[in-house]
Amino acid sequence: MSDEDPVDILPQIRKDCLEAACPIPKAAYDACIKRVQAKGDGDCEAWYFDMLGCVDKCAAPKIFAHTK
């Protein structure tokens, strides 16, 4: 066994997936955030979960490829 601490690859994989595979859901979420900030009322929960679902769908096979 190695003396080094294991590195969590999940944050990097999720970031890569967000940029590469999910630009449309991210853009919709960002637009919602801007609307809510300008309006001062509401939330973007639905857009957030759409974006998160896209990221998870992209990241899952990559994460499982790294498990032993």
PDB file of N, CA and C in Angstrom:
ATOM      1  N   MET A   1       0.823  -1.193   0.000  1.00  0.00           N
ATOM      2  CA  MET A   1       0.000   0.000   0.000  1.00  0.00           C
ATOM      3  C   MET A   1       0.862   1.250   0.000  1.00  0.00           C
ATOM      4  N   SER A   2       0.397   2.259  -0.648  1.00  0.00           N
ATOM      5  CA  SER A   2       1.140   3.501  -0.756  1.00  0.00           C
ATOM      6  C   SER A   2       0.927   4.361   0.485  1.00  0.00           C
ATOM      7  N   ASP A   3       1.941   5.152   0.828  1.00  0.00           N
ATOM      8  CA  ASP A   3       1.832   6.055   1.970  1.00  0.00           C
ATOM      9  C   ASP A   3       1.096   7.342   1.622  1.00  0.00           C
ATOM     10  N   GLU A   4       0.857   7.558   0.339  1.00  0.00           N
ATOM     11  CA  GLU A   4       0.175   8.772  -0.084  1.00  0.00           C
ATOM     12  C   GLU A   4      -1.324   8.673   0.181  1.00  0.00           C
ATOM     13  N   ASP A   5      -1.909   9.816   0.485  1.00  0.00           N
ATOM     14  CA  ASP A   5      -3.357   9.852   0.658  1.00  0.00           C
ATOM     15  C   ASP A   5      -4.023   9.703  -0.700  1.00  0.00           C
ATOM     16  N   PRO A   6      -5.139   8.997  -0.741  1.00  0.00           N
ATOM     17  CA  PRO A   6      -5.830   8.870  -2.021  1.00  0.00           C
ATOM     18  C   PRO A   6      -6.387  10.225  -2.469  1.00  0.00           C
ATOM     19  N   VAL A   7      -6.450  10.408  -3.759  1.00  0.00           N
ATOM     20  CA  VAL A   7      -6.945  11.653  -4.337  1.00  0.00           C
ATOM     21  C   VAL A   7      -8.374  11.412  -4.827  1.00  0.00           C
ATOM     22  N   ASP A   8      -9.271  12.286  -4.433  1.00  0.00           N
ATOM     23  CA  ASP A   8     -10.657  12.192  -4.872  1.00  0.00           C
ATOM     24  C   ASP A   8     -10.759  12.782  -6.267  1.00  0.00           C
ATOM     25  N   ILE A   9     -11.087  11.942  -7.240  1.00  0.00           N
ATOM     26  CA  ILE A   9     -11.169  12.398  -8.625  1.00  0.00           C
ATOM     27  C   ILE A   9     -12.553  12.920  -8.987  1.00  0.00           C
ATOM     28  N   LEU A  10     -13.532  12.727  -8.125  1.00  0.00           N
ATOM     29  CA  LEU A  10     -14.902  13.126  -8.421  1.00  0.00           C
ATOM     30  C   LEU A  10     -15.047  14.612  -8.755  1.00  0.00           C
ATOM     31  N   PRO A  11     -14.496  15.535  -7.971  1.00  0.00           N
ATOM     32  CA  PRO A  11     -14.675  16.955  -8.317  1.00  0.00           C
ATOM     33  C   PRO A  11     -14.150  17.314  -9.705  1.00  0.00           C
ATOM     34  N   GLN A  12     -13.014  16.763 -10.083  1.00  0.00           N
ATOM     35  CA  GLN A  12     -12.448  17.075 -11.404  1.00  0.00           C
ATOM     36  C   GLN A  12     -13.292  16.462 -12.517  1.00  0.00           C
ATOM     37  N   ILE A  13     -13.747  15.233 -12.325  1.00  0.00           N
ATOM     38  CA  ILE A  13     -14.586  14.591 -13.335  1.00  0.00           C
ATOM     39  C   ILE A  13     -15.887  15.363 -13.510  1.00  0.00           C
ATOM     40  N   ARG A  14     -16.490  15.778 -12.407  1.00  0.00           N
ATOM     41  CA  ARG A  14     -17.741  16.528 -12.494  1.00  0.00           C
ATOM     42  C   ARG A  14     -17.521  17.876 -13.192  1.00  0.00           C
ATOM     43  N   LYS A  15     -16.406  18.533 -12.895  1.00  0.00           N
ATOM     44  CA  LYS A  15     -16.098  19.810 -13.548  1.00  0.00           C
ATOM     45  C   LYS A  15     -15.911  19.610 -15.048  1.00  0.00           C
ATOM     46  N   ASP A  16     -15.175  18.571 -15.415  1.00  0.00           N
ATOM     47  CA  ASP A  16     -14.959  18.275 -16.833  1.00  0.00           C
ATOM     48  C   ASP A  16     -16.277  17.969 -17.539  1.00  0.00           C
ATOM     49  N   CYS A  17     -17.137  17.205 -16.901  1.00  0.00           N
ATOM     50  CA  CYS A  17     -18.430  16.874 -17.492  1.00  0.00           C
ATOM     51  C   CYS A  17     -19.301  18.115 -17.634  1.00  0.00           C
ATOM     52  N   LEU A  18     -19.272  18.975 -16.645  1.00  0.00           N
ATOM     53  CA  LEU A  18     -20.079  20.195 -16.707  1.00  0.00           C
ATOM     54  C   LEU A  18     -19.668  21.042 -17.902  1.00  0.00           C
ATOM     55  N   GLU A  19     -18.374  21.148 -18.142  1.00  0.00           N
ATOM     56  CA  GLU A  19     -17.878  21.971 -19.239  1.00  0.00           C
ATOM     57  C   GLU A  19     -18.069  21.300 -20.597  1.00  0.00           C
ATOM     58  N   ALA A  20     -17.832  19.986 -20.672  1.00  0.00           N
ATOM     59  CA  ALA A  20     -17.827  19.304 -21.962  1.00  0.00           C
ATOM     60  C   ALA A  20     -19.195  18.779 -22.386  1.00  0.00           C
ATOM     61  N   ALA A  21     -19.934  18.198 -21.469  1.00  0.00           N
ATOM     62  CA  ALA A  21     -21.165  17.496 -21.842  1.00  0.00           C
ATOM     63  C   ALA A  21     -22.442  18.247 -21.493  1.00  0.00           C
ATOM     64  N   CYS A  22     -22.360  19.277 -20.669  1.00  0.00           N
ATOM     65  CA  CYS A  22     -23.577  19.913 -20.161  1.00  0.00           C
ATOM     66  C   CYS A  22     -23.612  21.433 -20.314  1.00  0.00           C
ATOM     67  N   PRO A  23     -23.169  21.969 -21.457  1.00  0.00           N
ATOM     68  CA  PRO A  23     -23.183  23.439 -21.563  1.00  0.00           C
ATOM     69  C   PRO A  23     -24.596  24.021 -21.643  1.00  0.00           C
ATOM     70  N   ILE A  24     -25.548  23.299 -22.220  1.00  0.00           N
ATOM     71  CA  ILE A  24     -26.907  23.828 -22.354  1.00  0.00           C
ATOM     72  C   ILE A  24     -27.612  23.892 -20.994  1.00  0.00           C
ATOM     73  N   PRO A  25     -27.597  22.801 -20.190  1.00  0.00           N
ATOM     74  CA  PRO A  25     -28.209  22.922 -18.856  1.00  0.00           C
ATOM     75  C   PRO A  25     -27.507  23.951 -17.970  1.00  0.00           C
ATOM     76  N   LYS A  26     -26.183  24.084 -18.102  1.00  0.00           N
ATOM     77  CA  LYS A  26     -25.466  25.082 -17.297  1.00  0.00           C
ATOM     78  C   LYS A  26     -25.864  26.493 -17.713  1.00  0.00           C
ATOM     79  N   ALA A  27     -25.995  26.727 -19.013  1.00  0.00           N
ATOM     80  CA  ALA A  27     -26.397  28.047 -19.498  1.00  0.00           C
ATOM     81  C   ALA A  27     -27.809  28.388 -19.029  1.00  0.00           C
ATOM     82  N   ALA A  28     -28.702  27.397 -19.037  1.00  0.00           N
ATOM     83  CA  ALA A  28     -30.071  27.627 -18.566  1.00  0.00           C
ATOM     84  C   ALA A  28     -30.081  27.945 -17.072  1.00  0.00           C
ATOM     85  N   TYR A  29     -29.260  27.246 -16.310  1.00  0.00           N
ATOM     86  CA  TYR A  29     -29.165  27.505 -14.870  1.00  0.00           C
ATOM     87  C   TYR A  29     -28.580  28.893 -14.602  1.00  0.00           C
ATOM     88  N   ASP A  30     -27.526  29.241 -15.310  1.00  0.00           N
ATOM     89  CA  ASP A  30     -26.913  30.565 -15.140  1.00  0.00           C
ATOM     90  C   ASP A  30     -27.891  31.685 -15.498  1.00  0.00           C
ATOM     91  N   ALA A  31     -28.663  31.487 -16.572  1.00  0.00           N
ATOM     92  CA  ALA A  31     -29.663  32.482 -16.962  1.00  0.00           C
ATOM     93  C   ALA A  31     -30.736  32.611 -15.881  1.00  0.00           C
ATOM     94  N   CYS A  32     -31.127  31.506 -15.292  1.00  0.00           N
ATOM     95  CA  CYS A  32     -32.117  31.544 -14.216  1.00  0.00           C
ATOM     96  C   CYS A  32     -31.571  32.300 -13.014  1.00  0.00           C
ATOM     97  N   ILE A  33     -30.332  32.056 -12.660  1.00  0.00           N
ATOM     98  CA  ILE A  33     -29.713  32.756 -11.535  1.00  0.00           C
ATOM     99  C   ILE A  33     -29.737  34.267 -11.778  1.00  0.00           C
ATOM    100  N   LYS A  34     -29.398  34.674 -12.987  1.00  0.00           N
ATOM    101  CA  LYS A  34     -29.412  36.107 -13.311  1.00  0.00           C
ATOM    102  C   LYS A  34     -30.822  36.686 -13.207  1.00  0.00           C
ATOM    103  N   ARG A  35     -31.826  35.943 -13.695  1.00  0.00           N
ATOM    104  CA  ARG A  35     -33.213  36.416 -13.604  1.00  0.00           C
ATOM    105  C   ARG A  35     -33.648  36.556 -12.159  1.00  0.00           C
ATOM    106  N   VAL A  36     -33.310  35.580 -11.340  1.00  0.00           N
ATOM    107  CA  VAL A  36     -33.710  35.610  -9.931  1.00  0.00           C
ATOM    108  C   VAL A  36     -33.017  36.758  -9.208  1.00  0.00           C
ATOM    109  N   GLN A  37     -31.739  36.968  -9.490  1.00  0.00           N
ATOM    110  CA  GLN A  37     -31.022  38.071  -8.849  1.00  0.00           C
ATOM    111  C   GLN A  37     -31.598  39.421  -9.270  1.00  0.00           C
ATOM    112  N   ALA A  38     -31.975  39.545 -10.523  1.00  0.00           N
ATOM    113  CA  ALA A  38     -32.540  40.802 -11.000  1.00  0.00           C
ATOM    114  C   ALA A  38     -33.940  41.034 -10.436  1.00  0.00           C
ATOM    115  N   LYS A  39     -34.703  39.967 -10.376  1.00  0.00           N
ATOM    116  CA  LYS A  39     -36.081  40.064  -9.908  1.00  0.00           C
ATOM    117  C   LYS A  39     -36.158  40.113  -8.386  1.00  0.00           C
ATOM    118  N   GLY A  40     -35.241  39.394  -7.734  1.00  0.00           N
ATOM    119  CA  GLY A  40     -35.225  39.367  -6.275  1.00  0.00           C
ATOM    120  C   GLY A  40     -36.174  38.356  -5.668  1.00  0.00           C
ATOM    121  N   ASP A  41     -36.760  37.503  -6.505  1.00  0.00           N
ATOM    122  CA  ASP A  41     -37.724  36.524  -5.999  1.00  0.00           C
ATOM    123  C   ASP A  41     -37.658  35.266  -6.858  1.00  0.00           C
ATOM    124  N   GLY A  42     -37.838  34.113  -6.228  1.00  0.00           N
ATOM    125  CA  GLY A  42     -37.864  32.846  -6.951  1.00  0.00           C
ATOM    126  C   GLY A  42     -36.649  32.001  -6.645  1.00  0.00           C
ATOM    127  N   ASP A  43     -36.613  30.863  -7.310  1.00  0.00           N
ATOM    128  CA  ASP A  43     -35.457  29.979  -7.167  1.00  0.00           C
ATOM    129  C   ASP A  43     -35.209  29.257  -8.486  1.00  0.00           C
ATOM    130  N   CYS A  44     -34.102  28.591  -8.541  1.00  0.00           N
ATOM    131  CA  CYS A  44     -33.692  27.888  -9.757  1.00  0.00           C
ATOM    132  C   CYS A  44     -33.490  26.409  -9.481  1.00  0.00           C
ATOM    133  N   GLU A  45     -34.259  25.873  -8.556  1.00  0.00           N
ATOM    134  CA  GLU A  45     -34.091  24.489  -8.142  1.00  0.00           C
ATOM    135  C   GLU A  45     -34.243  23.522  -9.323  1.00  0.00           C
ATOM    136  N   ALA A  46     -35.253  23.709 -10.144  1.00  0.00           N
ATOM    137  CA  ALA A  46     -35.479  22.796 -11.268  1.00  0.00           C
ATOM    138  C   ALA A  46     -34.310  22.829 -12.248  1.00  0.00           C
ATOM    139  N   TRP A  47     -33.798  24.004 -12.549  1.00  0.00           N
ATOM    140  CA  TRP A  47     -32.674  24.138 -13.471  1.00  0.00           C
ATOM    141  C   TRP A  47     -31.420  23.531 -12.871  1.00  0.00           C
ATOM    142  N   TYR A  48     -31.245  23.691 -11.551  1.00  0.00           N
ATOM    143  CA  TYR A  48     -30.086  23.115 -10.875  1.00  0.00           C
ATOM    144  C   TYR A  48     -30.109  21.587 -10.983  1.00  0.00           C
ATOM    145  N   PHE A  49     -31.268  20.997 -10.721  1.00  0.00           N
ATOM    146  CA  PHE A  49     -31.356  19.535 -10.776  1.00  0.00           C
ATOM    147  C   PHE A  49     -31.243  19.009 -12.200  1.00  0.00           C
ATOM    148  N   ASP A  50     -31.693  19.768 -13.198  1.00  0.00           N
ATOM    149  CA  ASP A  50     -31.468  19.377 -14.591  1.00  0.00           C
ATOM    150  C   ASP A  50     -29.980  19.355 -14.901  1.00  0.00           C
ATOM    151  N   MET A  51     -29.268  20.381 -14.470  1.00  0.00           N
ATOM    152  CA  MET A  51     -27.827  20.467 -14.690  1.00  0.00           C
ATOM    153  C   MET A  51     -27.107  19.342 -13.942  1.00  0.00           C
ATOM    154  N   LEU A  52     -27.489  19.120 -12.704  1.00  0.00           N
ATOM    155  CA  LEU A  52     -26.855  18.080 -11.895  1.00  0.00           C
ATOM    156  C   LEU A  52     -27.092  16.687 -12.481  1.00  0.00           C
ATOM    157  N   GLY A  53     -28.293  16.445 -13.002  1.00  0.00           N
ATOM    158  CA  GLY A  53     -28.587  15.157 -13.636  1.00  0.00           C
ATOM    159  C   GLY A  53     -27.713  14.920 -14.853  1.00  0.00           C
ATOM    160  N   CYS A  54     -27.498  15.956 -15.635  1.00  0.00           N
ATOM    161  CA  CYS A  54     -26.624  15.852 -16.803  1.00  0.00           C
ATOM    162  C   CYS A  54     -25.194  15.529 -16.377  1.00  0.00           C
ATOM    163  N   VAL A  55     -24.716  16.224 -15.367  1.00  0.00           N
ATOM    164  CA  VAL A  55     -23.354  15.992 -14.873  1.00  0.00           C
ATOM    165  C   VAL A  55     -23.220  14.565 -14.339  1.00  0.00           C
ATOM    166  N   ASP A  56     -24.180  14.114 -13.566  1.00  0.00           N
ATOM    167  CA  ASP A  56     -24.120  12.764 -13.002  1.00  0.00           C
ATOM    168  C   ASP A  56     -24.154  11.694 -14.089  1.00  0.00           C
ATOM    169  N   LYS A  57     -24.965  11.901 -15.118  1.00  0.00           N
ATOM    170  CA  LYS A  57     -25.057  10.938 -16.218  1.00  0.00           C
ATOM    171  C   LYS A  57     -23.723  10.829 -16.951  1.00  0.00           C
ATOM    172  N   CYS A  58     -23.052  11.941 -17.126  1.00  0.00           N
ATOM    173  CA  CYS A  58     -21.745  11.947 -17.783  1.00  0.00           C
ATOM    174  C   CYS A  58     -20.657  11.369 -16.871  1.00  0.00           C
ATOM    175  N   ALA A  59     -20.701  11.706 -15.587  1.00  0.00           N
ATOM    176  CA  ALA A  59     -19.619  11.343 -14.669  1.00  0.00           C
ATOM    177  C   ALA A  59     -19.657   9.890 -14.215  1.00  0.00           C
ATOM    178  N   ALA A  60     -20.832   9.303 -14.127  1.00  0.00           N
ATOM    179  CA  ALA A  60     -20.952   7.946 -13.560  1.00  0.00           C
ATOM    180  C   ALA A  60     -20.040   6.924 -14.222  1.00  0.00           C
ATOM    181  N   PRO A  61     -20.056   6.771 -15.540  1.00  0.00           N
ATOM    182  CA  PRO A  61     -19.172   5.753 -16.125  1.00  0.00           C
ATOM    183  C   PRO A  61     -17.692   6.057 -15.922  1.00  0.00           C
ATOM    184  N   LYS A  62     -17.338   7.317 -15.878  1.00  0.00           N
ATOM    185  CA  LYS A  62     -15.934   7.682 -15.681  1.00  0.00           C
ATOM    186  C   LYS A  62     -15.496   7.374 -14.255  1.00  0.00           C
ATOM    187  N   ILE A  63     -16.374   7.593 -13.301  1.00  0.00           N
ATOM    188  CA  ILE A  63     -16.057   7.316 -11.896  1.00  0.00           C
ATOM    189  C   ILE A  63     -15.911   5.812 -11.682  1.00  0.00           C
ATOM    190  N   PHE A  64     -16.868   5.045 -12.221  1.00  0.00           N
ATOM    191  CA  PHE A  64     -16.814   3.596 -12.035  1.00  0.00           C
ATOM    192  C   PHE A  64     -15.628   2.970 -12.748  1.00  0.00           C
ATOM    193  N   ALA A  65     -15.123   3.613 -13.767  1.00  0.00           N
ATOM    194  CA  ALA A  65     -13.931   3.098 -14.445  1.00  0.00           C
ATOM    195  C   ALA A  65     -12.696   3.182 -13.543  1.00  0.00           C
ATOM    196  N   HIS A  66     -12.737   4.081 -12.543  1.00  0.00           N
ATOM    197  CA  HIS A  66     -11.596   4.252 -11.636  1.00  0.00           C
ATOM    198  C   HIS A  66     -11.709   3.401 -10.371  1.00  0.00           C
ATOM    199  N   THR A  67     -12.854   2.769 -10.146  1.00  0.00           N
ATOM    200  CA  THR A  67     -12.988   1.942  -8.948  1.00  0.00           C
ATOM    201  C   THR A  67     -12.359   0.589  -9.162  1.00  0.00           C
ATOM    202  N   LYS A  68     -11.980  -0.015  -8.101  1.00  0.00           N
ATOM    203  CA  LYS A  68     -11.325  -1.325  -8.198  1.00  0.00           C
ATOM    204  C   LYS A  68     -12.326  -2.425  -7.973  1.00  0.00           C
TER     205      LYS A  68
END
